[in-house]
Structures are given as structure tokens and as C-alpha cells.
Amino acid sequence: HIYAVLYTSPGRLTAGNLTGTASHLALSFQVTCAGGDIHRALVAATKVRAALTGVRLSTTSGLVAESTDPGAIREDTGVTPSRWYVPILFDVFNVTA
């Protein structure tokens, strides 16, 4: 199985606002994509990127973009059987129509 978990505003105490000036960073979020093996985790990451990258949350704000390269896929050995995962960071920018 593949799955993804959304973490809103990772590392921040408050969420951002989706109104403001053009190209202003509004908020960040993380989606951790996982699967029982490397292939499944990468499929989850591909689907999440396709679903979110370039999406506008409204006509006047909220352009979603991948923030940074998440690096190598990781293995979570704290569960049995182990799971593979990729934490993908996204930014949401205020944009004008």
C-alpha cells in the first residue's frame, strides 16, 4: 500500500495567511509519502507531487510549489515490517491573478 500524511505548518507555532502581496510566502507544509517498499514510497511521492505542484488554492492566492529537494528515500525501522518514506516540503505563495 501507499499513503501520504499532511503536516501543516511544520516547525511553526502558527499557520500562515493566504492573503497579501504577490509572491509572498504564505505558509509551508510537509507531506510524508510512504510505502512498504522503496517502489511504493516513490509512487506515493510521484502522485503527491502531481496532485499539488502548481495548484492554486484560489484565483488570487495560494500557489503551491515544492520547497526543496527532500533528499534520499529513508527507511523507518521503528515499525515492523519497516516502511520507506520521503518527506516532501511545499510552500504556498500569495499570487495575483
PDB file of N, CA and C in Angstrom:
ATOM      1  N   HIS A   1       0.828  -1.193   0.000  1.00  0.00           N
ATOM      2  CA  HIS A   1       0.000   0.000   0.000  1.00  0.00           C
ATOM      3  C   HIS A   1       0.869   1.252   0.000  1.00  0.00           C
ATOM      4  N   ILE A   2       0.310   2.323  -0.542  1.00  0.00           N
ATOM      5  CA  ILE A   2       0.968   3.628  -0.470  1.00  0.00           C
ATOM      6  C   ILE A   2       0.082   4.552   0.355  1.00  0.00           C
ATOM      7  N   TYR A   3       0.708   5.528   1.003  1.00  0.00           N
ATOM      8  CA  TYR A   3      -0.079   6.512   1.728  1.00  0.00           C
ATOM      9  C   TYR A   3       0.725   7.788   1.886  1.00  0.00           C
ATOM     10  N   ALA A   4       0.019   8.869   2.219  1.00  0.00           N
ATOM     11  CA  ALA A   4       0.636  10.176   2.424  1.00  0.00           C
ATOM     12  C   ALA A   4       0.004  10.824   3.643  1.00  0.00           C
ATOM     13  N   VAL A   5       0.835  11.537   4.413  1.00  0.00           N
ATOM     14  CA  VAL A   5       0.373  12.217   5.619  1.00  0.00           C
ATOM     15  C   VAL A   5       0.729  13.691   5.503  1.00  0.00           C
ATOM     16  N   LEU A   6      -0.253  14.556   5.716  1.00  0.00           N
ATOM     17  CA  LEU A   6      -0.073  16.004   5.640  1.00  0.00           C
ATOM     18  C   LEU A   6       0.238  16.567   7.020  1.00  0.00           C
ATOM     19  N   TYR A   7       1.314  17.354   7.092  1.00  0.00           N
ATOM     20  CA  TYR A   7       1.670  18.080   8.310  1.00  0.00           C
ATOM     21  C   TYR A   7       1.619  19.566   7.958  1.00  0.00           C
ATOM     22  N   THR A   8       0.654  20.283   8.492  1.00  0.00           N
ATOM     23  CA  THR A   8       0.529  21.706   8.187  1.00  0.00           C
ATOM     24  C   THR A   8       1.493  22.519   9.023  1.00  0.00           C
ATOM     25  N   SER A   9       2.066  23.547   8.419  1.00  0.00           N
ATOM     26  CA  SER A   9       2.991  24.470   9.075  1.00  0.00           C
ATOM     27  C   SER A   9       4.031  23.759   9.931  1.00  0.00           C
ATOM     28  N   PRO A  10       4.841  22.863   9.342  1.00  0.00           N
ATOM     29  CA  PRO A  10       5.838  22.155  10.149  1.00  0.00           C
ATOM     30  C   PRO A  10       6.858  23.110  10.745  1.00  0.00           C
ATOM     31  N   GLY A  11       7.084  22.996  12.038  1.00  0.00           N
ATOM     32  CA  GLY A  11       8.070  23.830  12.706  1.00  0.00           C
ATOM     33  C   GLY A  11       7.597  25.220  13.064  1.00  0.00           C
ATOM     34  N   ARG A  12       6.328  25.501  12.832  1.00  0.00           N
ATOM     35  CA  ARG A  12       5.800  26.831  13.157  1.00  0.00           C
ATOM     36  C   ARG A  12       4.694  26.694  14.197  1.00  0.00           C
ATOM     37  N   LEU A  13       4.590  27.703  15.040  1.00  0.00           N
ATOM     38  CA  LEU A  13       3.541  27.688  16.050  1.00  0.00           C
ATOM     39  C   LEU A  13       2.204  28.159  15.501  1.00  0.00           C
ATOM     40  N   THR A  14       2.243  28.979  14.434  1.00  0.00           N
ATOM     41  CA  THR A  14       1.014  29.500  13.859  1.00  0.00           C
ATOM     42  C   THR A  14       0.990  29.244  12.358  1.00  0.00           C
ATOM     43  N   ALA A  15      -0.175  29.115  11.811  1.00  0.00           N
ATOM     44  CA  ALA A  15      -0.330  28.929  10.369  1.00  0.00           C
ATOM     45  C   ALA A  15      -0.211  30.275   9.670  1.00  0.00           C
ATOM     46  N   GLY A  16       0.106  30.247   8.377  1.00  0.00           N
ATOM     47  CA  GLY A  16       0.225  31.463   7.595  1.00  0.00           C
ATOM     48  C   GLY A  16      -1.111  31.942   7.065  1.00  0.00           C
ATOM     49  N   ASN A  17      -1.097  33.121   6.482  1.00  0.00           N
ATOM     50  CA  ASN A  17      -2.281  33.742   5.915  1.00  0.00           C
ATOM     51  C   ASN A  17      -2.170  33.704   4.393  1.00  0.00           C
ATOM     52  N   LEU A  18      -3.237  33.379   3.699  1.00  0.00           N
ATOM     53  CA  LEU A  18      -3.205  33.272   2.239  1.00  0.00           C
ATOM     54  C   LEU A  18      -3.566  34.568   1.529  1.00  0.00           C
ATOM     55  N   THR A  19      -3.510  35.681   2.236  1.00  0.00           N
ATOM     56  CA  THR A  19      -3.730  36.972   1.589  1.00  0.00           C
ATOM     57  C   THR A  19      -2.461  37.794   1.739  1.00  0.00           C
ATOM     58  N   GLY A  20      -2.220  38.690   0.834  1.00  0.00           N
ATOM     59  CA  GLY A  20      -1.027  39.514   0.947  1.00  0.00           C
ATOM     60  C   GLY A  20      -0.487  39.904  -0.400  1.00  0.00           C
ATOM     61  N   THR A  21       0.769  40.295  -0.441  1.00  0.00           N
ATOM     62  CA  THR A  21       1.368  40.784  -1.668  1.00  0.00           C
ATOM     63  C   THR A  21       1.790  39.635  -2.582  1.00  0.00           C
ATOM     64  N   ALA A  22       1.946  39.944  -3.858  1.00  0.00           N
ATOM     65  CA  ALA A  22       2.342  38.944  -4.847  1.00  0.00           C
ATOM     66  C   ALA A  22       3.675  38.316  -4.479  1.00  0.00           C
ATOM     67  N   SER A  23       3.781  37.034  -4.713  1.00  0.00           N
ATOM     68  CA  SER A  23       4.994  36.257  -4.483  1.00  0.00           C
ATOM     69  C   SER A  23       5.443  36.220  -3.021  1.00  0.00           C
ATOM     70  N   HIS A  24       4.590  36.542  -2.127  1.00  0.00           N
ATOM     71  CA  HIS A  24       4.901  36.499  -0.703  1.00  0.00           C
ATOM     72  C   HIS A  24       4.641  35.090  -0.179  1.00  0.00           C
ATOM     73  N   LEU A  25       5.623  34.529   0.539  1.00  0.00           N
ATOM     74  CA  LEU A  25       5.454  33.205   1.116  1.00  0.00           C
ATOM     75  C   LEU A  25       4.376  33.255   2.186  1.00  0.00           C
ATOM     76  N   ALA A  26       3.338  32.469   2.015  1.00  0.00           N
ATOM     77  CA  ALA A  26       2.221  32.480   2.944  1.00  0.00           C
ATOM     78  C   ALA A  26       2.364  31.413   4.026  1.00  0.00           C
ATOM     79  N   LEU A  27       2.727  30.213   3.628  1.00  0.00           N
ATOM     80  CA  LEU A  27       2.869  29.137   4.590  1.00  0.00           C
ATOM     81  C   LEU A  27       3.631  27.985   3.960  1.00  0.00           C
ATOM     82  N   SER A  28       4.042  27.059   4.802  1.00  0.00           N
ATOM     83  CA  SER A  28       4.717  25.848   4.349  1.00  0.00           C
ATOM     84  C   SER A  28       3.991  24.648   4.931  1.00  0.00           C
ATOM     85  N   PHE A  29       4.110  23.524   4.247  1.00  0.00           N
ATOM     86  CA  PHE A  29       3.570  22.287   4.796  1.00  0.00           C
ATOM     87  C   PHE A  29       4.394  21.125   4.284  1.00  0.00           C
ATOM     88  N   GLN A  30       4.267  20.009   4.967  1.00  0.00           N
ATOM     89  CA  GLN A  30       5.007  18.803   4.592  1.00  0.00           C
ATOM     90  C   GLN A  30       4.024  17.677   4.318  1.00  0.00           C
ATOM     91  N   VAL A  31       4.310  16.911   3.289  1.00  0.00           N
ATOM     92  CA  VAL A  31       3.574  15.677   3.022  1.00  0.00           C
ATOM     93  C   VAL A  31       4.595  14.545   3.049  1.00  0.00           C
ATOM     94  N   THR A  32       4.426  13.626   3.983  1.00  0.00           N
ATOM     95  CA  THR A  32       5.299  12.465   4.043  1.00  0.00           C
ATOM     96  C   THR A  32       4.647  11.343   3.252  1.00  0.00           C
ATOM     97  N   CYS A  33       5.348  10.886   2.224  1.00  0.00           N
ATOM     98  CA  CYS A  33       4.854   9.851   1.326  1.00  0.00           C
ATOM     99  C   CYS A  33       5.524   8.539   1.703  1.00  0.00           C
ATOM    100  N   ALA A  34       4.743   7.478   1.856  1.00  0.00           N
ATOM    101  CA  ALA A  34       5.308   6.236   2.377  1.00  0.00           C
ATOM    102  C   ALA A  34       4.731   5.009   1.696  1.00  0.00           C
ATOM    103  N   GLY A  35       5.464   3.918   1.866  1.00  0.00           N
ATOM    104  CA  GLY A  35       5.026   2.635   1.345  1.00  0.00           C
ATOM    105  C   GLY A  35       5.818   1.511   1.993  1.00  0.00           C
ATOM    106  N   GLY A  36       5.383   0.285   1.759  1.00  0.00           N
ATOM    107  CA  GLY A  36       6.023  -0.876   2.340  1.00  0.00           C
ATOM    108  C   GLY A  36       7.352  -1.229   1.718  1.00  0.00           C
ATOM    109  N   ASP A  37       7.644  -0.629   0.570  1.00  0.00           N
ATOM    110  CA  ASP A  37       8.945  -0.824  -0.068  1.00  0.00           C
ATOM    111  C   ASP A  37       9.317   0.461  -0.803  1.00  0.00           C
ATOM    112  N   ILE A  38      10.519   0.508  -1.342  1.00  0.00           N
ATOM    113  CA  ILE A  38      11.007   1.719  -1.998  1.00  0.00           C
ATOM    114  C   ILE A  38      10.113   2.120  -3.163  1.00  0.00           C
ATOM    115  N   HIS A  39       9.737   1.169  -3.996  1.00  0.00           N
ATOM    116  CA  HIS A  39       8.912   1.473  -5.162  1.00  0.00           C
ATOM    117  C   HIS A  39       7.591   2.115  -4.750  1.00  0.00           C
ATOM    118  N   ARG A  40       6.930   1.556  -3.771  1.00  0.00           N
ATOM    119  CA  ARG A  40       5.639   2.110  -3.341  1.00  0.00           C
ATOM    120  C   ARG A  40       5.788   3.518  -2.758  1.00  0.00           C
ATOM    121  N   ALA A  41       6.839   3.741  -1.994  1.00  0.00           N
ATOM    122  CA  ALA A  41       7.055   5.077  -1.436  1.00  0.00           C
ATOM    123  C   ALA A  41       7.307   6.099  -2.548  1.00  0.00           C
ATOM    124  N   LEU A  42       8.063   5.703  -3.566  1.00  0.00           N
ATOM    125  CA  LEU A  42       8.316   6.609  -4.692  1.00  0.00           C
ATOM    126  C   LEU A  42       7.059   6.861  -5.516  1.00  0.00           C
ATOM    127  N   VAL A  43       6.200   5.850  -5.660  1.00  0.00           N
ATOM    128  CA  VAL A  43       4.914   6.044  -6.345  1.00  0.00           C
ATOM    129  C   VAL A  43       4.066   7.051  -5.572  1.00  0.00           C
ATOM    130  N   ALA A  44       4.035   6.924  -4.253  1.00  0.00           N
ATOM    131  CA  ALA A  44       3.279   7.874  -3.432  1.00  0.00           C
ATOM    132  C   ALA A  44       3.813   9.288  -3.620  1.00  0.00           C
ATOM    133  N   ALA A  45       5.133   9.444  -3.627  1.00  0.00           N
ATOM    134  CA  ALA A  45       5.741  10.765  -3.808  1.00  0.00           C
ATOM    135  C   ALA A  45       5.400  11.350  -5.176  1.00  0.00           C
ATOM    136  N   THR A  46       5.441  10.526  -6.207  1.00  0.00           N
ATOM    137  CA  THR A  46       5.101  10.980  -7.563  1.00  0.00           C
ATOM    138  C   THR A  46       3.659  11.456  -7.627  1.00  0.00           C
ATOM    139  N   LYS A  47       2.753  10.711  -7.008  1.00  0.00           N
ATOM    140  CA  LYS A  47       1.327  11.093  -7.025  1.00  0.00           C
ATOM    141  C   LYS A  47       1.077  12.381  -6.247  1.00  0.00           C
ATOM    142  N   VAL A  48       1.736  12.533  -5.107  1.00  0.00           N
ATOM    143  CA  VAL A  48       1.567  13.756  -4.314  1.00  0.00           C
ATOM    144  C   VAL A  48       2.101  14.959  -5.075  1.00  0.00           C
ATOM    145  N   ARG A  49       3.289  14.826  -5.671  1.00  0.00           N
ATOM    146  CA  ARG A  49       3.845  15.943  -6.456  1.00  0.00           C
ATOM    147  C   ARG A  49       2.919  16.320  -7.607  1.00  0.00           C
ATOM    148  N   ALA A  50       2.388  15.328  -8.314  1.00  0.00           N
ATOM    149  CA  ALA A  50       1.498  15.595  -9.447  1.00  0.00           C
ATOM    150  C   ALA A  50       0.212  16.276  -8.990  1.00  0.00           C
ATOM    151  N   ALA A  51      -0.273  15.911  -7.826  1.00  0.00           N
ATOM    152  CA  ALA A  51      -1.532  16.465  -7.332  1.00  0.00           C
ATOM    153  C   ALA A  51      -1.383  17.877  -6.775  1.00  0.00           C
ATOM    154  N   LEU A  52      -0.206  18.226  -6.247  1.00  0.00           N
ATOM    155  CA  LEU A  52      -0.070  19.502  -5.541  1.00  0.00           C
ATOM    156  C   LEU A  52       0.760  20.564  -6.250  1.00  0.00           C
ATOM    157  N   THR A  53       1.795  20.194  -6.953  1.00  0.00           N
ATOM    158  CA  THR A  53       2.700  21.188  -7.547  1.00  0.00           C
ATOM    159  C   THR A  53       1.980  22.038  -8.590  1.00  0.00           C
ATOM    160  N   GLY A  54       2.053  23.343  -8.415  1.00  0.00           N
ATOM    161  CA  GLY A  54       1.436  24.273  -9.359  1.00  0.00           C
ATOM    162  C   GLY A  54      -0.036  24.543  -9.125  1.00  0.00           C
ATOM    163  N   VAL A  55      -0.622  23.928  -8.132  1.00  0.00           N
ATOM    164  CA  VAL A  55      -2.042  24.127  -7.834  1.00  0.00           C
ATOM    165  C   VAL A  55      -2.230  25.501  -7.210  1.00  0.00           C
ATOM    166  N   ARG A  56      -3.300  26.168  -7.606  1.00  0.00           N
ATOM    167  CA  ARG A  56      -3.685  27.440  -6.977  1.00  0.00           C
ATOM    168  C   ARG A  56      -4.872  27.157  -6.069  1.00  0.00           C
ATOM    169  N   LEU A  57      -4.775  27.602  -4.831  1.00  0.00           N
ATOM    170  CA  LEU A  57      -5.853  27.368  -3.874  1.00  0.00           C
ATOM    171  C   LEU A  57      -7.060  28.250  -4.136  1.00  0.00           C
ATOM    172  N   SER A  58      -6.831  29.388  -4.801  1.00  0.00           N
ATOM    173  CA  SER A  58      -7.920  30.261  -5.252  1.00  0.00           C
ATOM    174  C   SER A  58      -7.388  31.048  -6.442  1.00  0.00           C
ATOM    175  N   THR A  59      -8.220  31.877  -7.035  1.00  0.00           N
ATOM    176  CA  THR A  59      -7.778  32.644  -8.204  1.00  0.00           C
ATOM    177  C   THR A  59      -6.841  33.778  -7.837  1.00  0.00           C
ATOM    178  N   THR A  60      -6.791  34.174  -6.567  1.00  0.00           N
ATOM    179  CA  THR A  60      -5.958  35.301  -6.168  1.00  0.00           C
ATOM    180  C   THR A  60      -4.862  34.945  -5.171  1.00  0.00           C
ATOM    181  N   SER A  61      -4.816  33.722  -4.723  1.00  0.00           N
ATOM    182  CA  SER A  61      -3.786  33.381  -3.747  1.00  0.00           C
ATOM    183  C   SER A  61      -3.520  31.887  -3.742  1.00  0.00           C
ATOM    184  N   GLY A  62      -2.438  31.529  -3.100  1.00  0.00           N
ATOM    185  CA  GLY A  62      -2.192  30.141  -2.804  1.00  0.00           C
ATOM    186  C   GLY A  62      -1.580  29.294  -3.888  1.00  0.00           C
ATOM    187  N   LEU A  63      -0.474  29.708  -4.505  1.00  0.00           N
ATOM    188  CA  LEU A  63       0.215  28.885  -5.484  1.00  0.00           C
ATOM    189  C   LEU A  63       1.139  27.923  -4.743  1.00  0.00           C
ATOM    190  N   VAL A  64       0.973  26.610  -4.979  1.00  0.00           N
ATOM    191  CA  VAL A  64       1.743  25.582  -4.289  1.00  0.00           C
ATOM    192  C   VAL A  64       2.981  25.216  -5.109  1.00  0.00           C
ATOM    193  N   ALA A  65       4.142  25.178  -4.449  1.00  0.00           N
ATOM    194  CA  ALA A  65       5.397  24.805  -5.100  1.00  0.00           C
ATOM    195  C   ALA A  65       6.221  23.946  -4.141  1.00  0.00           C
ATOM    196  N   GLU A  66       6.948  22.970  -4.696  1.00  0.00           N
ATOM    197  CA  GLU A  66       7.829  22.160  -3.863  1.00  0.00           C
ATOM    198  C   GLU A  66       8.957  23.061  -3.367  1.00  0.00           C
ATOM    199  N   SER A  67       9.271  22.960  -2.093  1.00  0.00           N
ATOM    200  CA  SER A  67      10.223  23.855  -1.460  1.00  0.00           C
ATOM    201  C   SER A  67      11.667  23.492  -1.751  1.00  0.00           C
ATOM    202  N   THR A  68      12.073  22.295  -1.408  1.00  0.00           N
ATOM    203  CA  THR A  68      13.460  21.857  -1.567  1.00  0.00           C
ATOM    204  C   THR A  68      13.482  20.396  -1.962  1.00  0.00           C
ATOM    205  N   ASP A  69      14.624  19.944  -2.405  1.00  0.00           N
ATOM    206  CA  ASP A  69      14.812  18.524  -2.693  1.00  0.00           C
ATOM    207  C   ASP A  69      14.759  17.774  -1.366  1.00  0.00           C
ATOM    208  N   PRO A  70      13.883  16.771  -1.252  1.00  0.00           N
ATOM    209  CA  PRO A  70      13.756  16.071   0.025  1.00  0.00           C
ATOM    210  C   PRO A  70      14.925  15.146   0.344  1.00  0.00           C
ATOM    211  N   GLY A  71      15.815  14.957  -0.604  1.00  0.00           N
ATOM    212  CA  GLY A  71      16.941  14.068  -0.360  1.00  0.00           C
ATOM    213  C   GLY A  71      16.572  12.620  -0.614  1.00  0.00           C
ATOM    214  N   ALA A  72      17.397  11.745  -0.101  1.00  0.00           N
ATOM    215  CA  ALA A  72      17.228  10.308  -0.346  1.00  0.00           C
ATOM    216  C   ALA A  72      16.005   9.747   0.384  1.00  0.00           C
ATOM    217  N   ILE A  73      15.447   8.700  -0.185  1.00  0.00           N
ATOM    218  CA  ILE A  73      14.369   7.984   0.473  1.00  0.00           C
ATOM    219  C   ILE A  73      14.917   7.373   1.763  1.00  0.00           C
ATOM    220  N   ARG A  74      14.066   7.284   2.775  1.00  0.00           N
ATOM    221  CA  ARG A  74      14.509   6.827   4.092  1.00  0.00           C
ATOM    222  C   ARG A  74      13.732   5.581   4.518  1.00  0.00           C
ATOM    223  N   GLU A  75      14.354   4.780   5.356  1.00  0.00           N
ATOM    224  CA  GLU A  75      13.689   3.599   5.889  1.00  0.00           C
ATOM    225  C   GLU A  75      13.361   3.835   7.364  1.00  0.00           C
ATOM    226  N   ASP A  76      12.116   3.571   7.728  1.00  0.00           N
ATOM    227  CA  ASP A  76      11.698   3.650   9.125  1.00  0.00           C
ATOM    228  C   ASP A  76      11.758   2.237   9.700  1.00  0.00           C
ATOM    229  N   THR A  77      12.780   1.973  10.487  1.00  0.00           N
ATOM    230  CA  THR A  77      12.940   0.644  11.080  1.00  0.00           C
ATOM    231  C   THR A  77      12.294   0.556  12.459  1.00  0.00           C
ATOM    232  N   GLY A  78      11.610   1.628  12.865  1.00  0.00           N
ATOM    233  CA  GLY A  78      10.942   1.638  14.165  1.00  0.00           C
ATOM    234  C   GLY A  78       9.616   0.904  14.161  1.00  0.00           C
ATOM    235  N   VAL A  79       9.202   0.429  12.996  1.00  0.00           N
ATOM    236  CA  VAL A  79       7.965  -0.347  12.880  1.00  0.00           C
ATOM    237  C   VAL A  79       8.294  -1.678  12.214  1.00  0.00           C
ATOM    238  N   THR A  80       7.428  -2.660  12.434  1.00  0.00           N
ATOM    239  CA  THR A  80       7.627  -3.973  11.819  1.00  0.00           C
ATOM    240  C   THR A  80       6.379  -4.333  11.042  1.00  0.00           C
ATOM    241  N   PRO A  81       6.496  -4.636   9.749  1.00  0.00           N
ATOM    242  CA  PRO A  81       7.711  -4.530   8.948  1.00  0.00           C
ATOM    243  C   PRO A  81       8.082  -3.066   8.726  1.00  0.00           C
ATOM    244  N   SER A  82       9.323  -2.818   8.361  1.00  0.00           N
ATOM    245  CA  SER A  82       9.785  -1.439   8.165  1.00  0.00           C
ATOM    246  C   SER A  82       9.035  -0.795   6.994  1.00  0.00           C
ATOM    247  N   ARG A  83       9.022   0.523   6.983  1.00  0.00           N
ATOM    248  CA  ARG A  83       8.380   1.309   5.933  1.00  0.00           C
ATOM    249  C   ARG A  83       9.417   2.256   5.347  1.00  0.00           C
ATOM    250  N   TRP A  84       9.228   2.613   4.086  1.00  0.00           N
ATOM    251  CA  TRP A  84      10.078   3.569   3.386  1.00  0.00           C
ATOM    252  C   TRP A  84       9.286   4.853   3.219  1.00  0.00           C
ATOM    253  N   TYR A  85       9.967   6.006   3.303  1.00  0.00           N
ATOM    254  CA  TYR A  85       9.241   7.272   3.207  1.00  0.00           C
ATOM    255  C   TYR A  85      10.104   8.388   2.626  1.00  0.00           C
ATOM    256  N   VAL A  86       9.401   9.409   2.112  1.00  0.00           N
ATOM    257  CA  VAL A  86      10.016  10.629   1.579  1.00  0.00           C
ATOM    258  C   VAL A  86       9.225  11.809   2.141  1.00  0.00           C
ATOM    259  N   PRO A  87       9.855  12.680   2.949  1.00  0.00           N
ATOM    260  CA  PRO A  87       9.160  13.873   3.434  1.00  0.00           C
ATOM    261  C   PRO A  87       9.330  15.019   2.426  1.00  0.00           C
ATOM    262  N   ILE A  88       8.244  15.432   1.802  1.00  0.00           N
ATOM    263  CA  ILE A  88       8.303  16.494   0.786  1.00  0.00           C
ATOM    264  C   ILE A  88       7.773  17.794   1.389  1.00  0.00           C
ATOM    265  N   LEU A  89       8.587  18.848   1.321  1.00  0.00           N
ATOM    266  CA  LEU A  89       8.177  20.160   1.812  1.00  0.00           C
ATOM    267  C   LEU A  89       7.615  20.991   0.657  1.00  0.00           C
ATOM    268  N   PHE A  90       6.499  21.645   0.914  1.00  0.00           N
ATOM    269  CA  PHE A  90       5.866  22.526  -0.058  1.00  0.00           C
ATOM    270  C   PHE A  90       5.713  23.915   0.553  1.00  0.00           C
ATOM    271  N   ASP A  91       5.759  24.931  -0.304  1.00  0.00           N
ATOM    272  CA  ASP A  91       5.466  26.302   0.089  1.00  0.00           C
ATOM    273  C   ASP A  91       4.216  26.753  -0.658  1.00  0.00           C
ATOM    274  N   VAL A  92       3.470  27.643  -0.018  1.00  0.00           N
ATOM    275  CA  VAL A  92       2.314  28.258  -0.656  1.00  0.00           C
ATOM    276  C   VAL A  92       2.597  29.753  -0.720  1.00  0.00           C
ATOM    277  N   PHE A  93       2.542  30.292  -1.935  1.00  0.00           N
ATOM    278  CA  PHE A  93       2.834  31.701  -2.169  1.00  0.00           C
ATOM    279  C   PHE A  93       1.568  32.459  -2.503  1.00  0.00           C
ATOM    280  N   ASN A  94       1.473  33.685  -1.986  1.00  0.00           N
ATOM    281  CA  ASN A  94       0.411  34.582  -2.423  1.00  0.00           C
ATOM    282  C   ASN A  94       0.746  35.040  -3.833  1.00  0.00           C
ATOM    283  N   VAL A  95      -0.243  35.022  -4.697  1.00  0.00           N
ATOM    284  CA  VAL A  95      -0.058  35.468  -6.081  1.00  0.00           C
ATOM    285  C   VAL A  95      -1.241  36.326  -6.482  1.00  0.00           C
ATOM    286  N   THR A  96      -1.025  37.143  -7.496  1.00  0.00           N
ATOM    287  CA  THR A  96      -2.142  37.936  -8.021  1.00  0.00           C
ATOM    288  C   THR A  96      -2.630  37.291  -9.306  1.00  0.00           C
ATOM    289  N   ALA A  97      -3.880  37.495  -9.603  1.00  0.00           N
ATOM    290  CA  ALA A  97      -4.483  36.887 -10.795  1.00  0.00           C
ATOM    291  C   ALA A  97      -3.941  37.457 -12.062  1.00  0.00           C
TER     292      ALA A  97
END
